[in-house]
Amino acid sequence: MKVLMLNGSPHAAGTTFTALSEVASALAGEGIESEIVQVGTKPLNGCTACLKCRTLGRCALGDSDGVNSFLEKAAGADAFVFGAPVHYAGPAGAAVAFMDRVFYAGGNSGKGMFYLKPAAAVVAARRGGTTAAFDRLNKYFTVSNMPVISSQYWNMVHGANGEDAKKDLEGMQTMRSLARNMAWFLKCKEAGEKAGVPLPKREEQVRTNFIGPERA
């Protein structure tokens, strides 16, 4: 089993990375592999709503920013943790742009690469804005048929840098609890599949707007 994680921070070894690393260490203790992918500092386009991903199965904007590479890894992952620093009481803009494209391409291409795969959000901040950013990230999961993994507190760490984050003892413990809960869920899911528990029945999705049926 493998958990794919996104470090949605421009800092390769900042507070977000420190939080995700604590998750990765606890997952390893449960015998589960993980990988952290960083958004980086290159220019990152937001989703242009071209809808080409529905037929391409990948983002039409290319892979100069790593979105399609992440999607390739996501197809083989069993679970996800998406982390982001807090900027103005919301997730960092690059993380949002990255996730918009990943979830649109991954969820609308017909591959269903996120279907029933558990996910968790992690946010990092010097001081405030964490709960608003945390809520925003969870929206991606709850619209994608993804079980949301929780912890003993909201999944957040505090600090101005990675070393500060390590001193947030409650935050670090929250990351470890999150990882163990994720591992337990994955093992239960695997056991259910081996026992022949069927997946939920899926209906053809009905899509409407506030006026009438959705138009192409």
N, C-alpha and C. Protein backbone atom coordinates (compact mmCIF):
# COMPACT_ATOMS: atom_id res chain seq x y z
N MET A 1 0.84 -1.20 0.00
CA MET A 1 0.00 0.00 0.00
C MET A 1 0.88 1.25 0.00
N LYS A 2 0.38 2.26 -0.68
CA LYS A 2 1.16 3.49 -0.79
C LYS A 2 0.27 4.71 -0.62
N VAL A 3 0.78 5.68 0.14
CA VAL A 3 0.10 6.96 0.34
C VAL A 3 0.89 8.03 -0.40
N LEU A 4 0.23 8.74 -1.30
CA LEU A 4 0.85 9.82 -2.04
C LEU A 4 0.51 11.14 -1.36
N MET A 5 1.53 11.95 -1.10
CA MET A 5 1.32 13.21 -0.39
C MET A 5 1.79 14.39 -1.23
N LEU A 6 1.09 15.50 -1.11
CA LEU A 6 1.46 16.72 -1.81
C LEU A 6 1.91 17.77 -0.81
N ASN A 7 3.11 18.29 -1.01
CA ASN A 7 3.58 19.44 -0.25
C ASN A 7 3.27 20.67 -1.09
N GLY A 8 2.17 21.35 -0.77
CA GLY A 8 1.73 22.49 -1.54
C GLY A 8 2.39 23.79 -1.14
N SER A 9 3.61 23.71 -0.66
CA SER A 9 4.35 24.89 -0.23
C SER A 9 5.51 25.18 -1.18
N PRO A 10 5.85 26.45 -1.37
CA PRO A 10 7.04 26.76 -2.17
C PRO A 10 8.34 26.41 -1.44
N HIS A 11 8.23 26.16 -0.13
CA HIS A 11 9.42 25.81 0.66
C HIS A 11 9.56 24.30 0.74
N ALA A 12 10.68 23.80 0.26
CA ALA A 12 10.88 22.35 0.20
C ALA A 12 10.98 21.70 1.58
N ALA A 13 11.43 22.45 2.57
CA ALA A 13 11.62 21.87 3.90
C ALA A 13 11.04 22.77 4.98
N GLY A 14 9.88 23.34 4.74
CA GLY A 14 9.24 24.23 5.70
C GLY A 14 8.28 23.51 6.63
N THR A 15 7.32 24.24 7.14
CA THR A 15 6.39 23.67 8.11
C THR A 15 5.50 22.59 7.50
N THR A 16 5.05 22.80 6.27
CA THR A 16 4.19 21.80 5.63
C THR A 16 4.95 20.50 5.43
N PHE A 17 6.17 20.59 4.93
CA PHE A 17 6.99 19.39 4.74
C PHE A 17 7.25 18.68 6.06
N THR A 18 7.50 19.45 7.11
CA THR A 18 7.76 18.86 8.42
C THR A 18 6.56 18.08 8.91
N ALA A 19 5.36 18.63 8.71
CA ALA A 19 4.14 17.94 9.10
C ALA A 19 3.96 16.66 8.30
N LEU A 20 4.15 16.74 6.99
CA LEU A 20 3.98 15.57 6.13
C LEU A 20 5.04 14.50 6.44
N SER A 21 6.23 14.94 6.79
CA SER A 21 7.29 13.99 7.14
C SER A 21 6.94 13.21 8.40
N GLU A 22 6.27 13.88 9.33
CA GLU A 22 5.83 13.18 10.55
C GLU A 22 4.78 12.13 10.20
N VAL A 23 3.89 12.47 9.27
CA VAL A 23 2.90 11.51 8.79
C VAL A 23 3.60 10.33 8.12
N ALA A 24 4.58 10.63 7.27
CA ALA A 24 5.29 9.58 6.54
C ALA A 24 6.02 8.64 7.50
N SER A 25 6.63 9.19 8.53
CA SER A 25 7.35 8.37 9.50
C SER A 25 6.41 7.42 10.23
N ALA A 26 5.25 7.92 10.63
CA ALA A 26 4.28 7.08 11.33
C ALA A 26 3.69 6.03 10.39
N LEU A 27 3.48 6.38 9.13
CA LEU A 27 2.99 5.40 8.15
C LEU A 27 4.01 4.27 7.97
N ALA A 28 5.29 4.64 7.90
CA ALA A 28 6.33 3.63 7.77
C ALA A 28 6.31 2.65 8.94
N GLY A 29 6.02 3.19 10.13
CA GLY A 29 5.92 2.34 11.30
C GLY A 29 4.77 1.35 11.22
N GLU A 30 3.80 1.65 10.37
CA GLU A 30 2.66 0.76 10.15
C GLU A 30 2.85 -0.11 8.91
N GLY A 31 4.06 -0.03 8.32
CA GLY A 31 4.35 -0.85 7.15
C GLY A 31 3.79 -0.32 5.86
N ILE A 32 3.52 0.99 5.79
CA ILE A 32 2.92 1.58 4.60
C ILE A 32 3.89 2.58 3.97
N GLU A 33 4.10 2.42 2.68
CA GLU A 33 5.00 3.29 1.92
C GLU A 33 4.34 4.64 1.67
N SER A 34 5.15 5.67 1.51
CA SER A 34 4.61 6.99 1.18
C SER A 34 5.61 7.75 0.32
N GLU A 35 5.12 8.76 -0.35
CA GLU A 35 5.96 9.62 -1.17
C GLU A 35 5.44 11.05 -1.08
N ILE A 36 6.34 12.00 -0.91
CA ILE A 36 5.96 13.40 -0.85
C ILE A 36 6.38 14.09 -2.16
N VAL A 37 5.42 14.71 -2.82
CA VAL A 37 5.67 15.47 -4.04
C VAL A 37 5.49 16.94 -3.71
N GLN A 38 6.47 17.75 -4.10
CA GLN A 38 6.38 19.18 -3.79
C GLN A 38 5.92 19.98 -5.00
N VAL A 39 5.06 20.96 -4.76
CA VAL A 39 4.59 21.85 -5.81
C VAL A 39 5.75 22.62 -6.43
N GLY A 40 6.66 23.10 -5.60
CA GLY A 40 7.82 23.81 -6.10
C GLY A 40 7.57 25.30 -6.28
N THR A 41 8.45 25.94 -7.03
CA THR A 41 8.39 27.39 -7.18
C THR A 41 8.23 27.84 -8.63
N LYS A 42 8.07 26.91 -9.55
CA LYS A 42 7.88 27.29 -10.95
C LYS A 42 6.47 27.87 -11.14
N PRO A 43 6.28 28.70 -12.17
CA PRO A 43 4.94 29.23 -12.45
C PRO A 43 3.94 28.09 -12.64
N LEU A 44 2.76 28.26 -12.06
CA LEU A 44 1.75 27.21 -12.08
C LEU A 44 0.42 27.79 -12.53
N ASN A 45 -0.06 27.35 -13.67
CA ASN A 45 -1.35 27.83 -14.17
C ASN A 45 -2.50 27.20 -13.41
N GLY A 46 -3.55 27.97 -13.22
CA GLY A 46 -4.78 27.42 -12.67
C GLY A 46 -5.57 26.72 -13.76
N CYS A 47 -6.62 26.03 -13.39
CA CYS A 47 -7.47 25.34 -14.35
C CYS A 47 -8.15 26.37 -15.26
N THR A 48 -8.14 26.11 -16.57
CA THR A 48 -8.78 27.01 -17.53
C THR A 48 -10.17 26.53 -17.93
N ALA A 49 -10.65 25.46 -17.32
CA ALA A 49 -11.99 24.91 -17.60
C ALA A 49 -12.18 24.61 -19.08
N CYS A 50 -11.12 24.12 -19.74
CA CYS A 50 -11.22 23.78 -21.16
C CYS A 50 -11.94 22.45 -21.36
N LEU A 51 -12.03 21.64 -20.31
CA LEU A 51 -12.73 20.34 -20.31
C LEU A 51 -12.04 19.28 -21.16
N LYS A 52 -10.86 19.56 -21.68
CA LYS A 52 -10.16 18.58 -22.52
C LYS A 52 -9.73 17.35 -21.72
N CYS A 53 -9.59 17.51 -20.40
CA CYS A 53 -9.19 16.38 -19.57
C CYS A 53 -10.22 15.26 -19.58
N ARG A 54 -11.46 15.60 -19.91
CA ARG A 54 -12.50 14.58 -19.95
C ARG A 54 -12.24 13.53 -21.02
N THR A 55 -11.56 13.93 -22.08
CA THR A 55 -11.23 12.99 -23.15
C THR A 55 -9.77 12.57 -23.12
N LEU A 56 -8.89 13.48 -22.69
CA LEU A 56 -7.47 13.17 -22.66
C LEU A 56 -7.08 12.27 -21.49
N GLY A 57 -7.82 12.40 -20.39
CA GLY A 57 -7.45 11.65 -19.20
C GLY A 57 -6.27 12.26 -18.47
N ARG A 58 -5.87 13.45 -18.84
CA ARG A 58 -4.79 14.19 -18.22
C ARG A 58 -5.01 15.67 -18.47
N CYS A 59 -4.28 16.52 -17.81
CA CYS A 59 -4.47 17.95 -17.98
C CYS A 59 -3.87 18.41 -19.31
N ALA A 60 -4.64 19.18 -20.08
CA ALA A 60 -4.21 19.64 -21.40
C ALA A 60 -3.13 20.71 -21.32
N LEU A 61 -2.88 21.25 -20.13
CA LEU A 61 -1.88 22.31 -20.00
C LEU A 61 -0.45 21.78 -19.95
N GLY A 62 -0.29 20.48 -20.05
CA GLY A 62 1.04 19.90 -20.08
C GLY A 62 1.57 19.57 -18.70
N ASP A 63 2.87 19.24 -18.65
CA ASP A 63 3.44 18.77 -17.39
C ASP A 63 4.66 19.56 -16.95
N SER A 64 4.80 20.78 -17.42
CA SER A 64 5.94 21.58 -16.99
C SER A 64 5.88 21.91 -15.51
N ASP A 65 4.67 21.80 -14.92
CA ASP A 65 4.49 22.11 -13.50
C ASP A 65 4.21 20.87 -12.65
N GLY A 66 4.31 19.68 -13.23
CA GLY A 66 4.20 18.45 -12.46
C GLY A 66 2.81 17.91 -12.23
N VAL A 67 1.77 18.56 -12.75
CA VAL A 67 0.40 18.10 -12.51
C VAL A 67 0.18 16.71 -13.10
N ASN A 68 0.55 16.51 -14.35
CA ASN A 68 0.31 15.22 -14.98
C ASN A 68 1.20 14.12 -14.40
N SER A 69 2.39 14.48 -13.97
CA SER A 69 3.25 13.50 -13.30
C SER A 69 2.59 13.03 -12.00
N PHE A 70 1.99 13.98 -11.29
CA PHE A 70 1.29 13.63 -10.06
C PHE A 70 0.10 12.71 -10.36
N LEU A 71 -0.62 13.00 -11.44
CA LEU A 71 -1.76 12.18 -11.81
C LEU A 71 -1.33 10.75 -12.13
N GLU A 72 -0.18 10.60 -12.76
CA GLU A 72 0.33 9.26 -13.06
C GLU A 72 0.61 8.49 -11.77
N LYS A 73 1.17 9.18 -10.80
CA LYS A 73 1.44 8.54 -9.51
C LYS A 73 0.13 8.26 -8.78
N ALA A 74 -0.83 9.18 -8.91
CA ALA A 74 -2.11 9.05 -8.20
C ALA A 74 -2.87 7.80 -8.64
N ALA A 75 -2.74 7.44 -9.90
CA ALA A 75 -3.47 6.28 -10.41
C ALA A 75 -3.08 5.01 -9.66
N GLY A 76 -1.84 4.93 -9.19
CA GLY A 76 -1.40 3.73 -8.49
C GLY A 76 -1.36 3.87 -6.98
N ALA A 77 -1.76 5.03 -6.47
CA ALA A 77 -1.74 5.25 -5.02
C ALA A 77 -3.01 4.71 -4.38
N ASP A 78 -2.91 4.37 -3.11
CA ASP A 78 -4.06 3.84 -2.36
C ASP A 78 -4.72 4.91 -1.50
N ALA A 79 -4.00 5.98 -1.20
CA ALA A 79 -4.54 7.03 -0.34
C ALA A 79 -3.72 8.30 -0.56
N PHE A 80 -4.23 9.41 -0.01
CA PHE A 80 -3.60 10.70 -0.25
C PHE A 80 -3.60 11.57 1.00
N VAL A 81 -2.56 12.40 1.09
CA VAL A 81 -2.53 13.48 2.07
C VAL A 81 -2.11 14.73 1.32
N PHE A 82 -2.95 15.75 1.35
CA PHE A 82 -2.65 17.00 0.67
C PHE A 82 -2.34 18.07 1.72
N GLY A 83 -1.13 18.61 1.67
CA GLY A 83 -0.72 19.60 2.64
C GLY A 83 -0.49 20.95 2.00
N ALA A 84 -0.75 22.00 2.74
CA ALA A 84 -0.55 23.36 2.24
C ALA A 84 -0.31 24.33 3.38
N PRO A 85 0.52 25.33 3.15
CA PRO A 85 0.65 26.40 4.14
C PRO A 85 -0.54 27.34 4.03
N VAL A 86 -0.75 28.10 5.07
CA VAL A 86 -1.86 29.05 5.10
C VAL A 86 -1.39 30.41 4.60
N HIS A 87 -2.05 30.91 3.57
CA HIS A 87 -1.80 32.26 3.06
C HIS A 87 -3.12 33.04 3.11
N TYR A 88 -3.17 34.08 3.88
CA TYR A 88 -4.38 34.89 4.01
C TYR A 88 -5.61 34.04 4.34
N ALA A 89 -5.46 33.18 5.34
CA ALA A 89 -6.54 32.35 5.87
C ALA A 89 -7.07 31.34 4.87
N GLY A 90 -6.28 31.01 3.86
CA GLY A 90 -6.65 29.97 2.90
C GLY A 90 -5.41 29.20 2.48
N PRO A 91 -5.58 28.08 1.75
CA PRO A 91 -4.42 27.34 1.28
C PRO A 91 -3.61 28.20 0.30
N ALA A 92 -2.32 27.99 0.24
CA ALA A 92 -1.47 28.72 -0.70
C ALA A 92 -2.01 28.60 -2.12
N GLY A 93 -1.91 29.67 -2.88
CA GLY A 93 -2.48 29.71 -4.21
C GLY A 93 -1.97 28.61 -5.13
N ALA A 94 -0.68 28.31 -5.07
CA ALA A 94 -0.13 27.27 -5.93
C ALA A 94 -0.74 25.91 -5.61
N ALA A 95 -0.97 25.65 -4.33
CA ALA A 95 -1.58 24.38 -3.93
C ALA A 95 -3.00 24.26 -4.47
N VAL A 96 -3.75 25.35 -4.40
CA VAL A 96 -5.12 25.34 -4.91
C VAL A 96 -5.15 25.15 -6.41
N ALA A 97 -4.28 25.86 -7.14
CA ALA A 97 -4.22 25.72 -8.59
C ALA A 97 -3.86 24.29 -8.98
N PHE A 98 -2.88 23.72 -8.28
CA PHE A 98 -2.44 22.35 -8.53
C PHE A 98 -3.58 21.37 -8.29
N MET A 99 -4.26 21.52 -7.16
CA MET A 99 -5.32 20.58 -6.81
C MET A 99 -6.54 20.74 -7.69
N ASP A 100 -6.85 21.96 -8.10
CA ASP A 100 -7.97 22.16 -9.03
C ASP A 100 -7.76 21.31 -10.28
N ARG A 101 -6.58 21.38 -10.83
CA ARG A 101 -6.30 20.65 -12.07
C ARG A 101 -6.20 19.15 -11.84
N VAL A 102 -5.58 18.75 -10.74
CA VAL A 102 -5.46 17.33 -10.44
C VAL A 102 -6.83 16.69 -10.24
N PHE A 103 -7.68 17.34 -9.48
CA PHE A 103 -8.98 16.74 -9.20
C PHE A 103 -9.92 16.83 -10.39
N TYR A 104 -9.80 17.88 -11.18
CA TYR A 104 -10.66 17.98 -12.35
C TYR A 104 -10.28 16.90 -13.36
N ALA A 105 -8.99 16.75 -13.62
CA ALA A 105 -8.54 15.73 -14.57
C ALA A 105 -8.73 14.33 -14.02
N GLY A 106 -8.40 14.14 -12.75
CA GLY A 106 -8.52 12.81 -12.16
C GLY A 106 -9.94 12.36 -11.92
N GLY A 107 -10.82 13.33 -11.69
CA GLY A 107 -12.20 12.97 -11.39
C GLY A 107 -13.13 13.01 -12.57
N ASN A 108 -12.74 13.73 -13.64
CA ASN A 108 -13.63 13.89 -14.78
C ASN A 108 -13.20 13.12 -16.02
N SER A 109 -12.06 12.43 -15.94
CA SER A 109 -11.56 11.72 -17.12
C SER A 109 -12.26 10.39 -17.33
N GLY A 110 -13.06 9.96 -16.37
CA GLY A 110 -13.71 8.67 -16.48
C GLY A 110 -12.92 7.55 -15.83
N LYS A 111 -11.67 7.84 -15.41
CA LYS A 111 -10.84 6.82 -14.78
C LYS A 111 -11.22 6.62 -13.32
N GLY A 112 -11.77 7.65 -12.70
CA GLY A 112 -12.16 7.53 -11.30
C GLY A 112 -11.00 7.19 -10.39
N MET A 113 -9.84 7.80 -10.60
CA MET A 113 -8.65 7.41 -9.85
C MET A 113 -8.72 7.78 -8.37
N PHE A 114 -9.68 8.60 -7.97
CA PHE A 114 -9.82 8.97 -6.56
C PHE A 114 -10.97 8.24 -5.87
N TYR A 115 -11.75 7.48 -6.59
CA TYR A 115 -12.96 6.87 -6.06
C TYR A 115 -12.66 5.95 -4.88
N LEU A 116 -13.25 6.27 -3.73
CA LEU A 116 -13.16 5.52 -2.48
C LEU A 116 -11.73 5.36 -1.96
N LYS A 117 -10.82 6.19 -2.43
CA LYS A 117 -9.48 6.21 -1.85
C LYS A 117 -9.46 7.25 -0.73
N PRO A 118 -9.04 6.87 0.46
CA PRO A 118 -9.08 7.81 1.58
C PRO A 118 -8.10 8.97 1.40
N ALA A 119 -8.46 10.11 1.96
CA ALA A 119 -7.64 11.30 1.84
C ALA A 119 -7.69 12.10 3.13
N ALA A 120 -6.68 12.92 3.30
CA ALA A 120 -6.63 13.81 4.46
C ALA A 120 -5.96 15.11 4.05
N ALA A 121 -6.35 16.18 4.70
CA ALA A 121 -5.75 17.49 4.48
C ALA A 121 -4.89 17.85 5.68
N VAL A 122 -3.78 18.53 5.42
CA VAL A 122 -2.89 19.01 6.47
C VAL A 122 -2.55 20.47 6.16
N VAL A 123 -2.65 21.33 7.15
CA VAL A 123 -2.31 22.74 6.94
C VAL A 123 -1.29 23.18 7.97
N ALA A 124 -0.51 24.18 7.57
CA ALA A 124 0.54 24.70 8.44
C ALA A 124 0.50 26.21 8.43
N ALA A 125 0.67 26.81 9.60
CA ALA A 125 0.62 28.27 9.70
C ALA A 125 1.49 28.76 10.84
N ARG A 126 1.88 30.01 10.73
CA ARG A 126 2.59 30.61 11.86
C ARG A 126 1.65 30.80 13.04
N ARG A 127 0.40 31.24 12.71
CA ARG A 127 -0.52 31.53 13.81
C ARG A 127 -1.97 31.23 13.48
N GLY A 128 -2.61 31.99 12.56
CA GLY A 128 -4.05 31.85 12.35
C GLY A 128 -4.41 31.46 10.93
N GLY A 129 -5.72 31.26 10.71
CA GLY A 129 -6.25 30.93 9.40
C GLY A 129 -6.29 29.45 9.08
N THR A 130 -5.90 28.64 10.03
CA THR A 130 -5.77 27.21 9.75
C THR A 130 -7.10 26.52 9.48
N THR A 131 -8.13 26.81 10.27
CA THR A 131 -9.38 26.08 10.10
C THR A 131 -10.06 26.41 8.78
N ALA A 132 -9.95 27.66 8.33
CA ALA A 132 -10.54 28.04 7.05
C ALA A 132 -9.82 27.33 5.91
N ALA A 133 -8.48 27.27 5.99
CA ALA A 133 -7.71 26.58 4.95
C ALA A 133 -7.98 25.08 4.98
N PHE A 134 -8.10 24.53 6.16
CA PHE A 134 -8.39 23.10 6.33
C PHE A 134 -9.75 22.75 5.71
N ASP A 135 -10.74 23.58 5.97
CA ASP A 135 -12.07 23.34 5.40
C ASP A 135 -12.03 23.36 3.88
N ARG A 136 -11.29 24.30 3.31
CA ARG A 136 -11.20 24.42 1.85
C ARG A 136 -10.62 23.14 1.22
N LEU A 137 -9.56 22.63 1.80
CA LEU A 137 -8.94 21.43 1.23
C LEU A 137 -9.85 20.21 1.31
N ASN A 138 -10.61 20.11 2.38
CA ASN A 138 -11.49 18.95 2.53
C ASN A 138 -12.61 18.93 1.49
N LYS A 139 -12.93 20.07 0.90
CA LYS A 139 -13.97 20.12 -0.12
C LYS A 139 -13.62 19.25 -1.33
N TYR A 140 -12.34 19.15 -1.66
CA TYR A 140 -11.93 18.33 -2.79
C TYR A 140 -12.30 16.86 -2.58
N PHE A 141 -12.17 16.40 -1.35
CA PHE A 141 -12.41 14.98 -1.06
C PHE A 141 -13.90 14.65 -1.02
N THR A 142 -14.65 15.54 -0.40
CA THR A 142 -16.07 15.23 -0.18
C THR A 142 -16.91 15.34 -1.45
N VAL A 143 -16.34 15.88 -2.53
CA VAL A 143 -17.05 15.91 -3.80
C VAL A 143 -16.52 14.81 -4.73
N SER A 144 -15.57 14.02 -4.24
CA SER A 144 -14.90 13.02 -5.09
C SER A 144 -15.07 11.59 -4.58
N ASN A 145 -16.08 11.34 -3.74
CA ASN A 145 -16.32 9.99 -3.20
C ASN A 145 -15.10 9.45 -2.45
N MET A 146 -14.43 10.32 -1.71
CA MET A 146 -13.24 9.92 -0.98
C MET A 146 -13.50 9.94 0.52
N PRO A 147 -13.31 8.82 1.22
CA PRO A 147 -13.42 8.84 2.67
C PRO A 147 -12.39 9.80 3.27
N VAL A 148 -12.81 10.62 4.21
CA VAL A 148 -11.92 11.60 4.82
C VAL A 148 -11.37 11.05 6.14
N ILE A 149 -10.06 11.04 6.26
CA ILE A 149 -9.41 10.52 7.46
C ILE A 149 -9.17 11.67 8.44
N SER A 150 -9.62 11.47 9.65
CA SER A 150 -9.49 12.50 10.67
C SER A 150 -8.41 12.11 11.68
N SER A 151 -8.21 12.98 12.67
CA SER A 151 -7.23 12.72 13.71
C SER A 151 -7.82 13.14 15.05
N GLN A 152 -6.98 13.33 16.04
CA GLN A 152 -7.45 13.69 17.38
C GLN A 152 -7.77 15.17 17.50
N TYR A 153 -7.34 15.94 16.51
CA TYR A 153 -7.61 17.38 16.44
C TYR A 153 -7.60 17.72 14.96
N TRP A 154 -7.93 18.95 14.60
CA TRP A 154 -7.84 19.31 13.19
C TRP A 154 -6.39 19.20 12.75
N ASN A 155 -6.20 18.73 11.52
CA ASN A 155 -4.86 18.38 11.03
C ASN A 155 -4.05 19.64 10.72
N MET A 156 -3.41 20.18 11.73
CA MET A 156 -2.65 21.41 11.56
C MET A 156 -1.41 21.42 12.45
N VAL A 157 -0.40 22.13 11.98
CA VAL A 157 0.79 22.39 12.79
C VAL A 157 1.07 23.88 12.74
N HIS A 158 1.78 24.37 13.74
CA HIS A 158 2.09 25.79 13.83
C HIS A 158 3.59 26.02 13.92
N GLY A 159 4.03 27.10 13.29
CA GLY A 159 5.44 27.47 13.34
C GLY A 159 5.80 28.34 12.17
N ALA A 160 6.85 29.14 12.33
CA ALA A 160 7.31 30.00 11.25
C ALA A 160 8.23 29.26 10.30
N ASN A 161 8.73 28.10 10.72
CA ASN A 161 9.61 27.28 9.88
C ASN A 161 9.55 25.84 10.36
N GLY A 162 10.30 24.98 9.69
CA GLY A 162 10.26 23.56 10.02
C GLY A 162 10.70 23.25 11.44
N GLU A 163 11.71 23.94 11.92
CA GLU A 163 12.19 23.69 13.28
C GLU A 163 11.14 24.10 14.31
N ASP A 164 10.45 25.20 14.05
CA ASP A 164 9.35 25.61 14.93
C ASP A 164 8.27 24.54 14.97
N ALA A 165 7.94 24.00 13.80
CA ALA A 165 6.86 23.02 13.71
C ALA A 165 7.15 21.79 14.56
N LYS A 166 8.41 21.40 14.62
CA LYS A 166 8.78 20.23 15.43
C LYS A 166 8.51 20.46 16.91
N LYS A 167 8.50 21.74 17.32
CA LYS A 167 8.25 22.08 18.72
C LYS A 167 6.76 22.10 19.05
N ASP A 168 5.92 22.05 18.02
CA ASP A 168 4.47 21.99 18.23
C ASP A 168 4.12 20.53 18.54
N LEU A 169 4.27 20.16 19.79
CA LEU A 169 4.14 18.76 20.17
C LEU A 169 2.74 18.21 19.91
N GLU A 170 1.73 19.04 20.14
CA GLU A 170 0.37 18.56 19.86
C GLU A 170 0.16 18.40 18.36
N GLY A 171 0.69 19.33 17.59
CA GLY A 171 0.56 19.22 16.14
C GLY A 171 1.25 17.98 15.61
N MET A 172 2.44 17.68 16.09
CA MET A 172 3.17 16.49 15.65
C MET A 172 2.43 15.22 16.05
N GLN A 173 1.85 15.22 17.26
CA GLN A 173 1.08 14.06 17.68
C GLN A 173 -0.16 13.89 16.82
N THR A 174 -0.77 15.01 16.44
CA THR A 174 -1.94 14.96 15.56
C THR A 174 -1.57 14.33 14.22
N MET A 175 -0.37 14.63 13.71
CA MET A 175 0.09 14.04 12.45
C MET A 175 0.28 12.53 12.60
N ARG A 176 0.84 12.10 13.72
CA ARG A 176 1.05 10.66 13.92
C ARG A 176 -0.28 9.93 14.07
N SER A 177 -1.21 10.53 14.78
CA SER A 177 -2.53 9.91 14.93
C SER A 177 -3.24 9.82 13.58
N LEU A 178 -3.08 10.86 12.78
CA LEU A 178 -3.66 10.86 11.44
C LEU A 178 -3.10 9.69 10.63
N ALA A 179 -1.80 9.51 10.68
CA ALA A 179 -1.16 8.44 9.92
C ALA A 179 -1.65 7.07 10.37
N ARG A 180 -1.77 6.87 11.67
CA ARG A 180 -2.22 5.57 12.17
C ARG A 180 -3.68 5.32 11.81
N ASN A 181 -4.49 6.36 11.84
CA ASN A 181 -5.88 6.20 11.42
C ASN A 181 -5.97 5.87 9.93
N MET A 182 -5.11 6.49 9.14
CA MET A 182 -5.06 6.21 7.72
C MET A 182 -4.65 4.76 7.48
N ALA A 183 -3.63 4.32 8.20
CA ALA A 183 -3.15 2.95 8.05
C ALA A 183 -4.24 1.95 8.43
N TRP A 184 -4.93 2.22 9.52
CA TRP A 184 -6.01 1.31 9.97
C TRP A 184 -7.11 1.23 8.90
N PHE A 185 -7.48 2.37 8.35
CA PHE A 185 -8.54 2.37 7.32
C PHE A 185 -8.09 1.58 6.11
N LEU A 186 -6.86 1.78 5.66
CA LEU A 186 -6.37 1.06 4.48
C LEU A 186 -6.35 -0.45 4.71
N LYS A 187 -5.94 -0.85 5.90
CA LYS A 187 -5.90 -2.28 6.21
C LYS A 187 -7.31 -2.86 6.28
N CYS A 188 -8.26 -2.10 6.82
CA CYS A 188 -9.65 -2.55 6.87
C CYS A 188 -10.23 -2.65 5.46
N LYS A 189 -9.91 -1.69 4.62
CA LYS A 189 -10.39 -1.71 3.24
C LYS A 189 -9.85 -2.93 2.51
N GLU A 190 -8.57 -3.20 2.70
CA GLU A 190 -7.96 -4.37 2.07
C GLU A 190 -8.60 -5.66 2.56
N ALA A 191 -8.86 -5.72 3.87
CA ALA A 191 -9.49 -6.92 4.43
C ALA A 191 -10.90 -7.10 3.88
N GLY A 192 -11.62 -6.00 3.72
CA GLY A 192 -12.97 -6.07 3.16
C GLY A 192 -12.97 -6.55 1.72
N GLU A 193 -12.01 -6.08 0.95
CA GLU A 193 -11.91 -6.52 -0.45
C GLU A 193 -11.60 -8.01 -0.52
N LYS A 194 -10.70 -8.48 0.34
CA LYS A 194 -10.35 -9.90 0.36
C LYS A 194 -11.53 -10.75 0.80
N ALA A 195 -12.40 -10.19 1.65
CA ALA A 195 -13.56 -10.92 2.14
C ALA A 195 -14.73 -10.88 1.15
N GLY A 196 -14.56 -10.13 0.08
CA GLY A 196 -15.60 -10.07 -0.94
C GLY A 196 -16.68 -9.04 -0.69
N VAL A 197 -16.41 -8.07 0.19
CA VAL A 197 -17.39 -7.01 0.43
C VAL A 197 -17.47 -6.15 -0.84
N PRO A 198 -18.65 -6.04 -1.44
CA PRO A 198 -18.75 -5.30 -2.71
C PRO A 198 -18.66 -3.79 -2.49
N LEU A 199 -18.23 -3.11 -3.53
CA LEU A 199 -18.21 -1.65 -3.48
C LEU A 199 -19.63 -1.12 -3.56
N PRO A 200 -19.88 0.10 -3.10
CA PRO A 200 -21.22 0.66 -3.16
C PRO A 200 -21.74 0.73 -4.59
N LYS A 201 -23.03 0.57 -4.74
CA LYS A 201 -23.65 0.70 -6.06
C LYS A 201 -23.49 2.15 -6.52
N ARG A 202 -23.11 2.31 -7.79
CA ARG A 202 -22.94 3.66 -8.34
C ARG A 202 -24.02 3.93 -9.38
N GLU A 203 -24.70 5.03 -9.19
CA GLU A 203 -25.70 5.46 -10.16
C GLU A 203 -25.07 6.40 -11.18
N GLU A 204 -25.68 6.49 -12.33
CA GLU A 204 -25.24 7.48 -13.30
C GLU A 204 -25.50 8.85 -12.69
N GLN A 205 -24.48 9.70 -12.71
CA GLN A 205 -24.58 10.97 -12.01
C GLN A 205 -25.58 11.91 -12.68
N VAL A 206 -26.41 12.50 -11.86
CA VAL A 206 -27.36 13.52 -12.32
C VAL A 206 -26.74 14.88 -12.03
N ARG A 207 -26.62 15.71 -13.05
CA ARG A 207 -26.02 17.03 -12.89
C ARG A 207 -27.02 18.09 -13.33
N THR A 208 -27.36 18.96 -12.42
CA THR A 208 -28.27 20.07 -12.72
C THR A 208 -27.66 21.37 -12.23
N ASN A 209 -28.20 22.47 -12.72
CA ASN A 209 -27.84 23.76 -12.15
C ASN A 209 -29.10 24.36 -11.55
N PHE A 210 -29.08 25.62 -11.19
CA PHE A 210 -30.24 26.19 -10.53
C PHE A 210 -31.36 26.57 -11.51
N ILE A 211 -31.11 26.40 -12.80
CA ILE A 211 -32.12 26.73 -13.81
C ILE A 211 -32.75 25.48 -14.38
N GLY A 212 -31.93 24.49 -14.71
CA GLY A 212 -32.43 23.27 -15.31
C GLY A 212 -31.30 22.32 -15.59
N PRO A 213 -31.48 21.35 -16.47
CA PRO A 213 -30.40 20.39 -16.78
C PRO A 213 -29.15 21.09 -17.28
N GLU A 214 -28.03 20.51 -16.92
CA GLU A 214 -26.74 21.09 -17.31
C GLU A 214 -26.60 21.05 -18.82
N ARG A 215 -26.08 22.11 -19.38
CA ARG A 215 -25.83 22.18 -20.82
C ARG A 215 -24.37 21.89 -21.11
N ALA A 216 -24.12 21.28 -22.27
CA ALA A 216 -22.76 20.95 -22.65
C ALA A 216 -21.96 22.22 -22.97
